[in-house]
Amino acid sequence: MDCSIFSARRKQCHDVYGNRGEECLNEELTEKRCLSLKHCPREANEYYGDAPMTMPNNGFVVGGSGGGGGGTSVDDDDNNDSPYQYHKALCASWAESFAYVDKELEYGPKTVRHHQDARHIVMRDPKLKQECRQIAMNLAQCLRRKRLFS
């Protein structure tokens, strides 16, 4: 798996907006997912799910459902005829829900609703919340060991 396209997109975004703020959040999360799948496959599978990462023509990242408390999915836009689906494990969607607050104009209502639903499910279940925190921590520790992220 070659993550250079995702790293280049993140770098381009930071070249425009700088290294601070939320403007490049989607590029950062996409790069992190690719690097995680490449360098920490077991932990990434548990966090993100088990399907491979692909890039369809519209540029929306499509992943799989699997580990991390079960998969959830939404269409990538509000069109019911969209051929692309956004699948992600519950824990990843829960963790990302904090980053997608008030992002409906940028990512569409279905993506925002997907993250809100994941947040609601996990926050209602203390045991699941603890499991998701541990899954996220395992992935972060692996990435740190590989010196991919600080």
C-alpha atoms as a PDB file:
ATOM      1  CA  MET A   1       0.000   0.000   0.000  1.00  0.00           C
ATOM      2  CA  ASP A   2       1.422   3.354  -1.055  1.00  0.00           C
ATOM      3  CA  CYS A   3       0.390   6.247   1.176  1.00  0.00           C
ATOM      4  CA  SER A   4       2.334   8.898  -0.704  1.00  0.00           C
ATOM      5  CA  ILE A   5      -0.774  10.374  -2.381  1.00  0.00           C
ATOM      6  CA  PHE A   6      -2.397  10.890   1.035  1.00  0.00           C
ATOM      7  CA  SER A   7       0.798  12.353   2.491  1.00  0.00           C
ATOM      8  CA  ALA A   8       1.104  14.692  -0.492  1.00  0.00           C
ATOM      9  CA  ARG A   9      -2.500  15.861  -0.073  1.00  0.00           C
ATOM     10  CA  ARG A  10      -1.909  16.549   3.616  1.00  0.00           C
ATOM     11  CA  LYS A  11       1.279  18.448   2.827  1.00  0.00           C
ATOM     12  CA  GLN A  12      -0.468  20.481   0.116  1.00  0.00           C
ATOM     13  CA  CYS A  13      -3.213  21.408   2.543  1.00  0.00           C
ATOM     14  CA  HIS A  14      -0.702  22.466   5.204  1.00  0.00           C
ATOM     15  CA  ASP A  15       1.211  24.477   2.602  1.00  0.00           C
ATOM     16  CA  VAL A  16      -1.992  26.452   1.998  1.00  0.00           C
ATOM     17  CA  TYR A  17      -3.435  26.663   5.533  1.00  0.00           C
ATOM     18  CA  GLY A  18      -0.452  26.108   7.807  1.00  0.00           C
ATOM     19  CA  ASN A  19      -0.021  23.424  10.456  1.00  0.00           C
ATOM     20  CA  ARG A  20      -2.625  24.744  12.888  1.00  0.00           C
ATOM     21  CA  GLY A  21      -6.393  24.599  12.857  1.00  0.00           C
ATOM     22  CA  GLU A  22      -8.925  22.191  11.437  1.00  0.00           C
ATOM     23  CA  GLU A  23      -8.649  23.043   7.743  1.00  0.00           C
ATOM     24  CA  CYS A  24      -6.620  19.913   6.966  1.00  0.00           C
ATOM     25  CA  LEU A  25      -8.349  17.517   9.333  1.00  0.00           C
ATOM     26  CA  ASN A  26      -9.745  15.241   6.636  1.00  0.00           C
ATOM     27  CA  GLU A  27      -6.350  14.999   4.904  1.00  0.00           C
ATOM     28  CA  GLU A  28      -4.648  14.218   8.225  1.00  0.00           C
ATOM     29  CA  LEU A  29      -7.160  11.514   9.140  1.00  0.00           C
ATOM     30  CA  THR A  30      -6.944   9.930   5.685  1.00  0.00           C
ATOM     31  CA  GLU A  31      -3.153   9.842   5.789  1.00  0.00           C
ATOM     32  CA  LYS A  32      -3.248   8.390   9.312  1.00  0.00           C
ATOM     33  CA  ARG A  33      -5.597   5.653   8.182  1.00  0.00           C
ATOM     34  CA  CYS A  34      -3.380   4.677   5.255  1.00  0.00           C
ATOM     35  CA  LEU A  35      -0.196   4.679   7.338  1.00  0.00           C
ATOM     36  CA  SER A  36      -1.979   2.712  10.059  1.00  0.00           C
ATOM     37  CA  LEU A  37      -3.138   0.036   7.628  1.00  0.00           C
ATOM     38  CA  LYS A  38       0.359  -0.198   6.164  1.00  0.00           C
ATOM     39  CA  HIS A  39       2.464  -0.206   9.345  1.00  0.00           C
ATOM     40  CA  CYS A  40       0.075  -1.420  12.069  1.00  0.00           C
ATOM     41  CA  PRO A  41      -2.340  -3.746  10.232  1.00  0.00           C
ATOM     42  CA  ARG A  42      -3.639  -5.638  13.262  1.00  0.00           C
ATOM     43  CA  GLU A  43      -4.380  -2.512  15.270  1.00  0.00           C
ATOM     44  CA  ALA A  44      -5.730  -0.665  12.213  1.00  0.00           C
ATOM     45  CA  ASN A  45      -8.069  -3.541  11.394  1.00  0.00           C
ATOM     46  CA  GLU A  46      -9.423  -3.472  14.923  1.00  0.00           C
ATOM     47  CA  TYR A  47      -9.877   0.320  14.806  1.00  0.00           C
ATOM     48  CA  TYR A  48     -11.013   1.003  11.224  1.00  0.00           C
ATOM     49  CA  GLY A  49     -12.399  -2.312  10.023  1.00  0.00           C
ATOM     50  CA  ASP A  50     -11.167  -4.971   7.665  1.00  0.00           C
ATOM     51  CA  ALA A  51     -11.857  -3.779   4.097  1.00  0.00           C
ATOM     52  CA  PRO A  52      -9.092  -2.178   2.043  1.00  0.00           C
ATOM     53  CA  MET A  53      -8.815   1.543   1.507  1.00  0.00           C
ATOM     54  CA  THR A  54      -9.600   2.697  -2.032  1.00  0.00           C
ATOM     55  CA  MET A  55     -10.001   6.011  -3.788  1.00  0.00           C
ATOM     56  CA  PRO A  56     -12.964   6.200  -6.206  1.00  0.00           C
ATOM     57  CA  ASN A  57     -13.217   8.872  -8.896  1.00  0.00           C
ATOM     58  CA  ASN A  58     -14.945  11.395  -6.656  1.00  0.00           C
ATOM     59  CA  GLY A  59     -12.042  11.391  -4.191  1.00  0.00           C
ATOM     60  CA  PHE A  60     -14.052  10.104  -1.246  1.00  0.00           C
ATOM     61  CA  VAL A  61     -12.158   7.504   0.753  1.00  0.00           C
ATOM     62  CA  VAL A  62     -13.982   4.210   1.018  1.00  0.00           C
ATOM     63  CA  GLY A  63     -13.044   1.749   3.703  1.00  0.00           C
ATOM     64  CA  GLY A  64     -14.496  -1.361   5.258  1.00  0.00           C
ATOM     65  CA  SER A  65     -16.598  -2.408   8.151  1.00  0.00           C
ATOM     66  CA  GLY A  66     -15.273  -4.872  10.639  1.00  0.00           C
ATOM     67  CA  GLY A  67     -13.612  -4.599  14.021  1.00  0.00           C
ATOM     68  CA  GLY A  68     -13.936  -1.949  16.650  1.00  0.00           C
ATOM     69  CA  GLY A  69     -17.451  -2.617  17.762  1.00  0.00           C
ATOM     70  CA  GLY A  70     -19.010  -3.355  14.380  1.00  0.00           C
ATOM     71  CA  GLY A  71     -19.291  -1.465  11.126  1.00  0.00           C
ATOM     72  CA  THR A  72     -21.519   1.417  10.210  1.00  0.00           C
ATOM     73  CA  SER A  73     -22.002   3.064   6.840  1.00  0.00           C
ATOM     74  CA  VAL A  74     -23.516   6.050   5.100  1.00  0.00           C
ATOM     75  CA  ASP A  75     -23.670   7.301   1.529  1.00  0.00           C
ATOM     76  CA  ASP A  76     -20.847   9.688   0.729  1.00  0.00           C
ATOM     77  CA  ASP A  77     -23.274  12.445  -0.196  1.00  0.00           C
ATOM     78  CA  ASP A  78     -26.972  13.200  -0.015  1.00  0.00           C
ATOM     79  CA  ASN A  79     -27.761  11.629  -3.382  1.00  0.00           C
ATOM     80  CA  ASN A  80     -29.507   8.305  -2.998  1.00  0.00           C
ATOM     81  CA  ASP A  81     -28.082   7.158  -6.340  1.00  0.00           C
ATOM     82  CA  SER A  82     -24.457   7.483  -5.217  1.00  0.00           C
ATOM     83  CA  PRO A  83     -22.473   4.301  -6.018  1.00  0.00           C
ATOM     84  CA  TYR A  84     -20.018   4.852  -3.152  1.00  0.00           C
ATOM     85  CA  GLN A  85     -20.439   3.877   0.455  1.00  0.00           C
ATOM     86  CA  TYR A  86     -18.422   5.042   3.445  1.00  0.00           C
ATOM     87  CA  HIS A  87     -17.950   2.102   5.811  1.00  0.00           C
ATOM     88  CA  LYS A  88     -16.026   2.355   9.024  1.00  0.00           C
ATOM     89  CA  ALA A  89     -15.851   0.505  12.304  1.00  0.00           C
ATOM     90  CA  LEU A  90     -17.834   2.025  15.127  1.00  0.00           C
ATOM     91  CA  CYS A  91     -14.879   3.023  17.312  1.00  0.00           C
ATOM     92  CA  ALA A  92     -13.164   4.946  14.513  1.00  0.00           C
ATOM     93  CA  SER A  93     -16.390   6.777  13.714  1.00  0.00           C
ATOM     94  CA  TRP A  94     -16.892   7.573  17.405  1.00  0.00           C
ATOM     95  CA  ALA A  95     -13.368   8.968  17.763  1.00  0.00           C
ATOM     96  CA  GLU A  96     -13.713  11.012  14.579  1.00  0.00           C
ATOM     97  CA  SER A  97     -17.121  12.330  15.649  1.00  0.00           C
ATOM     98  CA  PHE A  98     -15.357  14.908  17.797  1.00  0.00           C
ATOM     99  CA  ALA A  99     -13.554  16.201  14.705  1.00  0.00           C
ATOM    100  CA  TYR A 100     -16.670  16.376  12.517  1.00  0.00           C
ATOM    101  CA  VAL A 101     -18.786  18.562  14.799  1.00  0.00           C
ATOM    102  CA  ASP A 102     -20.373  21.395  12.789  1.00  0.00           C
ATOM    103  CA  LYS A 103     -18.863  20.104   9.518  1.00  0.00           C
ATOM    104  CA  GLU A 104     -22.120  19.483   7.630  1.00  0.00           C
ATOM    105  CA  LEU A 105     -21.402  22.129   4.973  1.00  0.00           C
ATOM    106  CA  GLU A 106     -18.037  20.561   4.192  1.00  0.00           C
ATOM    107  CA  TYR A 107     -18.823  16.843   4.330  1.00  0.00           C
ATOM    108  CA  GLY A 108     -22.598  16.594   3.934  1.00  0.00           C
ATOM    109  CA  PRO A 109     -25.360  15.727   6.376  1.00  0.00           C
ATOM    110  CA  LYS A 110     -25.058  11.948   6.021  1.00  0.00           C
ATOM    111  CA  THR A 111     -21.384  11.913   6.972  1.00  0.00           C
ATOM    112  CA  VAL A 112     -22.060  14.156   9.958  1.00  0.00           C
ATOM    113  CA  ARG A 113     -25.079  12.064  10.985  1.00  0.00           C
ATOM    114  CA  HIS A 114     -22.968   8.889  10.688  1.00  0.00           C
ATOM    115  CA  HIS A 115     -20.429  10.293  13.161  1.00  0.00           C
ATOM    116  CA  GLN A 116     -23.154  11.629  15.490  1.00  0.00           C
ATOM    117  CA  ASP A 117     -24.829   8.202  15.534  1.00  0.00           C
ATOM    118  CA  ALA A 118     -21.527   6.510  16.378  1.00  0.00           C
ATOM    119  CA  ARG A 119     -20.946   8.997  19.195  1.00  0.00           C
ATOM    120  CA  HIS A 120     -24.432   8.391  20.596  1.00  0.00           C
ATOM    121  CA  ILE A 121     -24.039   4.581  20.508  1.00  0.00           C
ATOM    122  CA  VAL A 122     -20.628   4.546  22.186  1.00  0.00           C
ATOM    123  CA  MET A 123     -21.359   7.213  24.788  1.00  0.00           C
ATOM    124  CA  ARG A 124     -24.448   5.308  25.995  1.00  0.00           C
ATOM    125  CA  ASP A 125     -22.428   2.168  26.716  1.00  0.00           C
ATOM    126  CA  PRO A 126     -19.575   2.628  29.257  1.00  0.00           C
ATOM    127  CA  LYS A 127     -18.093  -0.794  28.462  1.00  0.00           C
ATOM    128  CA  LEU A 128     -18.047  -0.064  24.712  1.00  0.00           C
ATOM    129  CA  LYS A 129     -16.609   3.396  25.364  1.00  0.00           C
ATOM    130  CA  GLN A 130     -13.746   1.854  27.353  1.00  0.00           C
ATOM    131  CA  GLU A 131     -13.184  -0.758  24.629  1.00  0.00           C
ATOM    132  CA  CYS A 132     -13.025   1.959  21.962  1.00  0.00           C
ATOM    133  CA  ARG A 133     -10.567   3.981  24.020  1.00  0.00           C
ATOM    134  CA  GLN A 134      -8.330   0.930  24.388  1.00  0.00           C
ATOM    135  CA  ILE A 135      -8.525   0.145  20.646  1.00  0.00           C
ATOM    136  CA  ALA A 136      -7.589   3.761  19.813  1.00  0.00           C
ATOM    137  CA  MET A 137      -4.736   3.685  22.344  1.00  0.00           C
ATOM    138  CA  ASN A 138      -3.379   0.435  20.891  1.00  0.00           C
ATOM    139  CA  LEU A 139      -3.271   1.994  17.418  1.00  0.00           C
ATOM    140  CA  ALA A 140      -1.653   5.203  18.693  1.00  0.00           C
ATOM    141  CA  GLN A 141       1.022   3.222  20.559  1.00  0.00           C
ATOM    142  CA  CYS A 142       1.835   1.195  17.454  1.00  0.00           C
ATOM    143  CA  LEU A 143       2.133   4.349  15.336  1.00  0.00           C
ATOM    144  CA  ARG A 144       4.429   5.908  17.957  1.00  0.00           C
ATOM    145  CA  ARG A 145       6.612   2.776  18.013  1.00  0.00           C
ATOM    146  CA  LYS A 146       6.953   3.070  14.234  1.00  0.00           C
ATOM    147  CA  ARG A 147       7.673   6.793  14.716  1.00  0.00           C
ATOM    148  CA  LEU A 148       4.939   7.742  12.237  1.00  0.00           C
ATOM    149  CA  PHE A 149       3.158  10.177  14.534  1.00  0.00           C
ATOM    150  CA  SER A 150       4.148  11.822  17.778  1.00  0.00           C
END
